[in-house]
Amino acid sequence: MIPVASRPYRWPLSGHWSATDTALIIIDMQADFLDPEGYFASMGYSVTAGRAAIEPTARLLEALRNAGLTIIFTREGHRPDLSDLSPIKRRRGELSGTPIGTQGPLGRFLVRGERGWDIVPELSPIAGEILLDKPGNSAFHATDLDQILRSRGIRQLILTGVTTDVCVHSTMREANDRGYDCLMLEDCCAAGDPWLHQATVDITLNEGGIFGAVARHQDLLASMTP
């Protein structure tokens, strides 16, 4: 595929991307973050932008599945006994009034196996796609993501998901440090507040794309047209 008309540089820097060297990572598109009764909404955040990102992400997912790319989904959540929940993260949840592990409308907040922890049905993984469970913000933290990518020869990452300012950008920053060339699709990402989303986009564009490039999903699909 030809380079994408992204900002502030045409991604990827190598000048070419394909199913053999590029992966799509869909970050935390879970009911706890996207359902009006989920964990994120219970903290007082709007899920409107997150839900708006579902449709373009679904279109992107279909196209990249057909192209044969490696598809990776992540879910943030903790063991039912909360043994992997750090004291600091536990305390933050308590201060917000929605302690992780307590009962909510979709089950226990951010606990593996609960209804709120699962990926929304519009983006359900299919057989052969990788499902990565993570206890923190970055998809690299306490997971085997880097091993999976390197074993497949992946050098470039397409990033989507929620929230732009936390889990998406934490993953992007760490991927950049590990040598991956990242593209964030801004219309397939969302934050609880529009200004947080835009601020994250602006930070990414700084210094010539210090963490990677930014585009919209249509820009990527256009680069796939013969």
C-alpha atoms as a PDB file:
ATOM      1  CA  MET A   1       0.000   0.000   0.000  1.00  0.00           C
ATOM      2  CA  ILE A   2       1.099   3.557  -0.671  1.00  0.00           C
ATOM      3  CA  PRO A   3       1.836   6.051   2.134  1.00  0.00           C
ATOM      4  CA  VAL A   4      -1.129   7.637   3.908  1.00  0.00           C
ATOM      5  CA  ALA A   5      -1.904  11.346   3.550  1.00  0.00           C
ATOM      6  CA  SER A   6      -1.368  11.865   7.271  1.00  0.00           C
ATOM      7  CA  ARG A   7      -0.022  14.713   9.400  1.00  0.00           C
ATOM      8  CA  PRO A   8       2.676  15.910   9.996  1.00  0.00           C
ATOM      9  CA  TYR A   9       4.389  13.360   7.748  1.00  0.00           C
ATOM     10  CA  ARG A  10       3.204  10.797   5.242  1.00  0.00           C
ATOM     11  CA  TRP A  11       2.990   7.534   7.156  1.00  0.00           C
ATOM     12  CA  PRO A  12       4.865   5.249   7.247  1.00  0.00           C
ATOM     13  CA  LEU A  13       8.356   6.649   7.204  1.00  0.00           C
ATOM     14  CA  SER A  14       9.504   3.524   5.363  1.00  0.00           C
ATOM     15  CA  GLY A  15       7.358   4.620   2.401  1.00  0.00           C
ATOM     16  CA  HIS A  16       5.330   1.409   2.247  1.00  0.00           C
ATOM     17  CA  TRP A  17       3.033  -0.650   4.463  1.00  0.00           C
ATOM     18  CA  SER A  18       1.509  -4.055   3.993  1.00  0.00           C
ATOM     19  CA  ALA A  19      -0.190  -6.928   5.777  1.00  0.00           C
ATOM     20  CA  THR A  20       3.198  -8.455   6.536  1.00  0.00           C
ATOM     21  CA  ASP A  21       4.652  -5.536   8.479  1.00  0.00           C
ATOM     22  CA  THR A  22       1.656  -3.629   9.883  1.00  0.00           C
ATOM     23  CA  ALA A  23      -0.893  -4.340  12.623  1.00  0.00           C
ATOM     24  CA  LEU A  24      -4.146  -2.717  13.661  1.00  0.00           C
ATOM     25  CA  ILE A  25      -4.606  -2.307  17.419  1.00  0.00           C
ATOM     26  CA  ILE A  26      -8.134  -1.575  18.662  1.00  0.00           C
ATOM     27  CA  ILE A  27      -7.778  -0.369  22.231  1.00  0.00           C
ATOM     28  CA  ASP A  28     -10.361  -0.943  24.957  1.00  0.00           C
ATOM     29  CA  MET A  29     -13.575  -0.598  22.939  1.00  0.00           C
ATOM     30  CA  GLN A  30     -15.406  -2.153  25.883  1.00  0.00           C
ATOM     31  CA  ALA A  31     -18.854  -1.662  27.360  1.00  0.00           C
ATOM     32  CA  ASP A  32     -17.305  -0.241  30.541  1.00  0.00           C
ATOM     33  CA  PHE A  33     -16.018   2.672  28.427  1.00  0.00           C
ATOM     34  CA  LEU A  34     -18.756   2.959  25.798  1.00  0.00           C
ATOM     35  CA  ASP A  35     -22.053   1.997  27.436  1.00  0.00           C
ATOM     36  CA  PRO A  36     -24.115   4.743  29.121  1.00  0.00           C
ATOM     37  CA  GLU A  37     -24.260   2.506  32.201  1.00  0.00           C
ATOM     38  CA  GLY A  38     -20.595   1.520  32.185  1.00  0.00           C
ATOM     39  CA  TYR A  39     -17.650   2.476  34.371  1.00  0.00           C
ATOM     40  CA  PHE A  40     -16.605   5.516  32.334  1.00  0.00           C
ATOM     41  CA  ALA A  41     -20.093   7.049  32.359  1.00  0.00           C
ATOM     42  CA  SER A  42     -20.414   6.369  36.073  1.00  0.00           C
ATOM     43  CA  MET A  43     -17.348   8.586  36.589  1.00  0.00           C
ATOM     44  CA  GLY A  44     -19.260  11.449  34.993  1.00  0.00           C
ATOM     45  CA  TYR A  45     -17.737  11.305  31.521  1.00  0.00           C
ATOM     46  CA  SER A  46     -19.664  11.405  28.254  1.00  0.00           C
ATOM     47  CA  VAL A  47     -19.659   8.276  26.094  1.00  0.00           C
ATOM     48  CA  THR A  48     -21.063  10.120  23.067  1.00  0.00           C
ATOM     49  CA  ALA A  49     -17.715  10.566  21.308  1.00  0.00           C
ATOM     50  CA  GLY A  50     -16.663   7.016  22.073  1.00  0.00           C
ATOM     51  CA  ARG A  51     -19.847   5.609  20.594  1.00  0.00           C
ATOM     52  CA  ALA A  52     -19.399   7.813  17.519  1.00  0.00           C
ATOM     53  CA  ALA A  53     -16.023   6.146  16.939  1.00  0.00           C
ATOM     54  CA  ILE A  54     -17.579   2.678  16.692  1.00  0.00           C
ATOM     55  CA  GLU A  55     -18.911   3.012  13.133  1.00  0.00           C
ATOM     56  CA  PRO A  56     -15.713   4.286  11.449  1.00  0.00           C
ATOM     57  CA  THR A  57     -13.713   1.710  13.388  1.00  0.00           C
ATOM     58  CA  ALA A  58     -16.016  -1.046  12.139  1.00  0.00           C
ATOM     59  CA  ARG A  59     -15.518   0.110   8.521  1.00  0.00           C
ATOM     60  CA  LEU A  60     -11.770   0.210   9.022  1.00  0.00           C
ATOM     61  CA  LEU A  61     -11.765  -3.203  10.672  1.00  0.00           C
ATOM     62  CA  GLU A  62     -13.624  -4.800   7.766  1.00  0.00           C
ATOM     63  CA  ALA A  63     -11.204  -3.375   5.211  1.00  0.00           C
ATOM     64  CA  LEU A  64      -8.072  -4.379   7.130  1.00  0.00           C
ATOM     65  CA  ARG A  65      -9.445  -7.847   7.820  1.00  0.00           C
ATOM     66  CA  ASN A  66      -9.966  -8.292   4.084  1.00  0.00           C
ATOM     67  CA  ALA A  67      -6.410  -7.067   3.484  1.00  0.00           C
ATOM     68  CA  GLY A  68      -5.040  -9.718   5.845  1.00  0.00           C
ATOM     69  CA  LEU A  69      -3.488  -7.459   8.489  1.00  0.00           C
ATOM     70  CA  THR A  70      -2.744  -8.654  12.001  1.00  0.00           C
ATOM     71  CA  ILE A  71      -5.673  -7.472  14.144  1.00  0.00           C
ATOM     72  CA  ILE A  72      -5.190  -7.010  17.887  1.00  0.00           C
ATOM     73  CA  PHE A  73      -7.889  -6.075  20.400  1.00  0.00           C
ATOM     74  CA  THR A  74      -7.114  -4.984  23.942  1.00  0.00           C
ATOM     75  CA  ARG A  75      -9.302  -5.016  27.039  1.00  0.00           C
ATOM     76  CA  GLU A  76      -8.461  -3.215  30.240  1.00  0.00           C
ATOM     77  CA  GLY A  77      -9.484  -5.129  33.332  1.00  0.00           C
ATOM     78  CA  HIS A  78      -8.321  -6.916  36.431  1.00  0.00           C
ATOM     79  CA  ARG A  79      -8.390 -10.403  37.876  1.00  0.00           C
ATOM     80  CA  PRO A  80     -11.557 -11.120  39.875  1.00  0.00           C
ATOM     81  CA  ASP A  81      -9.516 -11.141  43.102  1.00  0.00           C
ATOM     82  CA  LEU A  82      -7.952  -7.781  42.107  1.00  0.00           C
ATOM     83  CA  SER A  83      -4.481  -9.159  42.820  1.00  0.00           C
ATOM     84  CA  ASP A  84      -3.119  -7.226  39.809  1.00  0.00           C
ATOM     85  CA  LEU A  85      -4.697  -3.910  40.845  1.00  0.00           C
ATOM     86  CA  SER A  86      -2.054  -1.504  42.113  1.00  0.00           C
ATOM     87  CA  PRO A  87      -2.744   0.401  45.341  1.00  0.00           C
ATOM     88  CA  ILE A  88      -2.458   3.711  43.488  1.00  0.00           C
ATOM     89  CA  LYS A  89      -4.994   2.734  40.815  1.00  0.00           C
ATOM     90  CA  ARG A  90      -7.281   1.325  43.506  1.00  0.00           C
ATOM     91  CA  ARG A  91      -7.133   4.590  45.433  1.00  0.00           C
ATOM     92  CA  ARG A  92      -7.860   6.695  42.348  1.00  0.00           C
ATOM     93  CA  GLY A  93     -10.999   4.654  41.747  1.00  0.00           C
ATOM     94  CA  GLU A  94     -12.069   5.197  45.320  1.00  0.00           C
ATOM     95  CA  LEU A  95     -11.556   8.947  45.048  1.00  0.00           C
ATOM     96  CA  SER A  96     -13.674   9.073  41.878  1.00  0.00           C
ATOM     97  CA  GLY A  97     -16.561   7.380  43.658  1.00  0.00           C
ATOM     98  CA  THR A  98     -16.453   4.283  41.435  1.00  0.00           C
ATOM     99  CA  PRO A  99     -13.964   1.867  43.017  1.00  0.00           C
ATOM    100  CA  ILE A 100     -12.665  -0.768  40.621  1.00  0.00           C
ATOM    101  CA  GLY A 101     -14.177  -4.130  41.455  1.00  0.00           C
ATOM    102  CA  THR A 102     -17.404  -2.815  42.938  1.00  0.00           C
ATOM    103  CA  GLN A 103     -20.768  -3.795  41.508  1.00  0.00           C
ATOM    104  CA  GLY A 104     -22.290  -1.702  38.729  1.00  0.00           C
ATOM    105  CA  PRO A 105     -25.081  -2.082  36.163  1.00  0.00           C
ATOM    106  CA  LEU A 106     -22.793  -4.119  33.875  1.00  0.00           C
ATOM    107  CA  GLY A 107     -21.164  -6.205  36.601  1.00  0.00           C
ATOM    108  CA  ARG A 108     -18.096  -5.424  38.658  1.00  0.00           C
ATOM    109  CA  PHE A 109     -16.250  -2.403  37.277  1.00  0.00           C
ATOM    110  CA  LEU A 110     -13.196  -3.256  35.133  1.00  0.00           C
ATOM    111  CA  VAL A 111     -13.115  -6.899  36.192  1.00  0.00           C
ATOM    112  CA  ARG A 112     -12.327  -9.636  33.697  1.00  0.00           C
ATOM    113  CA  GLY A 113     -15.281 -11.810  32.781  1.00  0.00           C
ATOM    114  CA  GLU A 114     -17.926  -9.202  33.599  1.00  0.00           C
ATOM    115  CA  ARG A 115     -20.337  -7.857  30.984  1.00  0.00           C
ATOM    116  CA  GLY A 116     -18.866  -4.353  31.109  1.00  0.00           C
ATOM    117  CA  TRP A 117     -15.364  -5.693  30.464  1.00  0.00           C
ATOM    118  CA  ASP A 118     -16.212  -7.210  27.099  1.00  0.00           C
ATOM    119  CA  ILE A 119     -15.774  -5.560  23.716  1.00  0.00           C
ATOM    120  CA  VAL A 120     -18.893  -3.974  22.205  1.00  0.00           C
ATOM    121  CA  PRO A 121     -20.676  -6.356  19.801  1.00  0.00           C
ATOM    122  CA  GLU A 122     -20.187  -4.082  16.772  1.00  0.00           C
ATOM    123  CA  LEU A 123     -16.436  -4.774  16.996  1.00  0.00           C
ATOM    124  CA  SER A 124     -16.351  -8.366  18.190  1.00  0.00           C
ATOM    125  CA  PRO A 125     -13.119 -10.219  17.362  1.00  0.00           C
ATOM    126  CA  ILE A 126     -13.322 -13.183  15.026  1.00  0.00           C
ATOM    127  CA  ALA A 127     -11.359 -16.424  15.009  1.00  0.00           C
ATOM    128  CA  GLY A 128      -7.640 -15.895  14.523  1.00  0.00           C
ATOM    129  CA  GLU A 129      -7.544 -12.350  15.865  1.00  0.00           C
ATOM    130  CA  ILE A 130      -5.520 -11.558  18.966  1.00  0.00           C
ATOM    131  CA  LEU A 131      -7.264 -10.553  22.188  1.00  0.00           C
ATOM    132  CA  LEU A 132      -4.936  -8.988  24.727  1.00  0.00           C
ATOM    133  CA  ASP A 133      -5.959  -8.391  28.346  1.00  0.00           C
ATOM    134  CA  LYS A 134      -4.088  -5.657  30.156  1.00  0.00           C
ATOM    135  CA  PRO A 135      -4.192  -4.341  33.739  1.00  0.00           C
ATOM    136  CA  GLY A 136      -2.865  -0.863  32.923  1.00  0.00           C
ATOM    137  CA  ASN A 137      -3.030   1.956  30.412  1.00  0.00           C
ATOM    138  CA  SER A 138      -0.373   0.987  27.874  1.00  0.00           C
ATOM    139  CA  ALA A 139      -1.037  -2.183  25.899  1.00  0.00           C
ATOM    140  CA  PHE A 140       2.629  -3.052  26.459  1.00  0.00           C
ATOM    141  CA  HIS A 141       2.408  -2.974  30.267  1.00  0.00           C
ATOM    142  CA  ALA A 142       2.378  -6.480  31.801  1.00  0.00           C
ATOM    143  CA  THR A 143       1.504  -8.109  28.445  1.00  0.00           C
ATOM    144  CA  ASP A 144       3.288 -10.007  25.682  1.00  0.00           C
ATOM    145  CA  LEU A 145       2.332  -7.490  22.982  1.00  0.00           C
ATOM    146  CA  ASP A 146       5.906  -6.646  21.998  1.00  0.00           C
ATOM    147  CA  GLN A 147       6.760 -10.338  21.676  1.00  0.00           C
ATOM    148  CA  ILE A 148       3.701 -10.924  19.471  1.00  0.00           C
ATOM    149  CA  LEU A 149       4.546  -8.011  17.192  1.00  0.00           C
ATOM    150  CA  ARG A 150       8.228  -8.870  16.803  1.00  0.00           C
ATOM    151  CA  SER A 151       7.518 -12.544  16.183  1.00  0.00           C
ATOM    152  CA  ARG A 152       5.297 -11.499  13.268  1.00  0.00           C
ATOM    153  CA  GLY A 153       7.746  -8.976  11.845  1.00  0.00           C
ATOM    154  CA  ILE A 154       5.471  -6.010  12.593  1.00  0.00           C
ATOM    155  CA  ARG A 155       7.177  -2.621  12.302  1.00  0.00           C
ATOM    156  CA  GLN A 156       4.196  -0.279  11.919  1.00  0.00           C
ATOM    157  CA  LEU A 157       1.076   0.161  14.037  1.00  0.00           C
ATOM    158  CA  ILE A 158      -2.340   1.632  13.308  1.00  0.00           C
ATOM    159  CA  LEU A 159      -3.931   2.748  16.585  1.00  0.00           C
ATOM    160  CA  THR A 160      -7.605   3.250  17.384  1.00  0.00           C
ATOM    161  CA  GLY A 161      -9.765   3.131  20.495  1.00  0.00           C
ATOM    162  CA  VAL A 162     -10.486   4.828  23.795  1.00  0.00           C
ATOM    163  CA  THR A 163      -9.505   6.918  25.397  1.00  0.00           C
ATOM    164  CA  THR A 164      -7.324   9.027  23.116  1.00  0.00           C
ATOM    165  CA  ASP A 165      -5.571  10.778  25.985  1.00  0.00           C
ATOM    166  CA  VAL A 166      -4.982   7.763  28.222  1.00  0.00           C
ATOM    167  CA  CYS A 167      -4.770   4.206  26.893  1.00  0.00           C
ATOM    168  CA  VAL A 168      -4.361   5.042  23.201  1.00  0.00           C
ATOM    169  CA  HIS A 169      -1.636   7.596  23.744  1.00  0.00           C
ATOM    170  CA  SER A 170       0.091   5.595  26.487  1.00  0.00           C
ATOM    171  CA  THR A 171       0.350   2.744  23.988  1.00  0.00           C
ATOM    172  CA  MET A 172       1.503   5.064  21.202  1.00  0.00           C
ATOM    173  CA  ARG A 173       4.216   6.648  23.317  1.00  0.00           C
ATOM    174  CA  GLU A 174       5.615   3.323  24.436  1.00  0.00           C
ATOM    175  CA  ALA A 175       5.408   1.873  20.926  1.00  0.00           C
ATOM    176  CA  ASN A 176       7.376   4.858  19.658  1.00  0.00           C
ATOM    177  CA  ASP A 177      10.109   4.235  22.235  1.00  0.00           C
ATOM    178  CA  ARG A 178      10.249   0.595  21.154  1.00  0.00           C
ATOM    179  CA  GLY A 179      10.847   1.585  17.527  1.00  0.00           C
ATOM    180  CA  TYR A 180       7.404   1.192  15.953  1.00  0.00           C
ATOM    181  CA  ASP A 181       6.122   3.780  13.470  1.00  0.00           C
ATOM    182  CA  CYS A 182       2.617   4.661  14.673  1.00  0.00           C
ATOM    183  CA  LEU A 183      -0.442   6.086  12.951  1.00  0.00           C
ATOM    184  CA  MET A 184      -3.330   7.269  15.138  1.00  0.00           C
ATOM    185  CA  LEU A 185      -6.701   7.497  13.390  1.00  0.00           C
ATOM    186  CA  GLU A 186      -8.366  10.418  15.124  1.00  0.00           C
ATOM    187  CA  ASP A 187     -11.951   9.658  14.050  1.00  0.00           C
ATOM    188  CA  CYS A 188     -11.576   6.106  15.378  1.00  0.00           C
ATOM    189  CA  CYS A 189     -10.472   7.408  18.791  1.00  0.00           C
ATOM    190  CA  ALA A 190     -12.312   9.350  21.483  1.00  0.00           C
ATOM    191  CA  ALA A 191     -11.927  10.881  24.923  1.00  0.00           C
ATOM    192  CA  GLY A 192     -14.383  11.872  27.624  1.00  0.00           C
ATOM    193  CA  ASP A 193     -13.992  15.547  26.753  1.00  0.00           C
ATOM    194  CA  PRO A 194     -13.395  16.901  23.220  1.00  0.00           C
ATOM    195  CA  TRP A 195     -10.561  19.145  24.384  1.00  0.00           C
ATOM    196  CA  LEU A 196      -8.664  16.158  25.795  1.00  0.00           C
ATOM    197  CA  HIS A 197      -8.945  14.385  22.462  1.00  0.00           C
ATOM    198  CA  GLN A 198      -7.806  17.448  20.530  1.00  0.00           C
ATOM    199  CA  ALA A 199      -4.978  18.196  22.948  1.00  0.00           C
ATOM    200  CA  THR A 200      -3.677  14.658  22.452  1.00  0.00           C
ATOM    201  CA  VAL A 201      -3.826  15.033  18.675  1.00  0.00           C
ATOM    202  CA  ASP A 202      -1.951  18.338  18.938  1.00  0.00           C
ATOM    203  CA  ILE A 203       0.730  16.802  21.165  1.00  0.00           C
ATOM    204  CA  THR A 204       1.214  13.997  18.649  1.00  0.00           C
ATOM    205  CA  LEU A 205       1.657  16.473  15.802  1.00  0.00           C
ATOM    206  CA  ASN A 206       4.286  18.424  17.743  1.00  0.00           C
ATOM    207  CA  GLU A 207       7.982  18.361  16.781  1.00  0.00           C
ATOM    208  CA  GLY A 208       7.348  16.831  13.383  1.00  0.00           C
ATOM    209  CA  GLY A 209       5.319  13.945  14.762  1.00  0.00           C
ATOM    210  CA  ILE A 210       7.272  13.114  17.881  1.00  0.00           C
ATOM    211  CA  PHE A 211       5.101  10.081  18.689  1.00  0.00           C
ATOM    212  CA  GLY A 212       3.859   9.274  15.196  1.00  0.00           C
ATOM    213  CA  ALA A 213       1.387  10.542  12.623  1.00  0.00           C
ATOM    214  CA  VAL A 214      -2.338  11.347  12.650  1.00  0.00           C
ATOM    215  CA  ALA A 215      -4.964  10.723   9.973  1.00  0.00           C
ATOM    216  CA  ARG A 216      -8.620   9.797   9.536  1.00  0.00           C
ATOM    217  CA  HIS A 217      -9.765   6.344   8.581  1.00  0.00           C
ATOM    218  CA  GLN A 218     -10.759   7.511   5.085  1.00  0.00           C
ATOM    219  CA  ASP A 219      -7.161   8.608   4.478  1.00  0.00           C
ATOM    220  CA  LEU A 220      -5.947   5.119   5.292  1.00  0.00           C
ATOM    221  CA  LEU A 221      -8.582   3.437   3.137  1.00  0.00           C
ATOM    222  CA  ALA A 222      -7.678   5.741   0.254  1.00  0.00           C
ATOM    223  CA  SER A 223      -4.057   4.590   0.446  1.00  0.00           C
ATOM    224  CA  MET A 224      -5.262   1.012  -0.119  1.00  0.00           C
ATOM    225  CA  THR A 225      -6.991   1.830  -3.432  1.00  0.00           C
ATOM    226  CA  PRO A 226      -5.032   0.490  -6.406  1.00  0.00           C
END
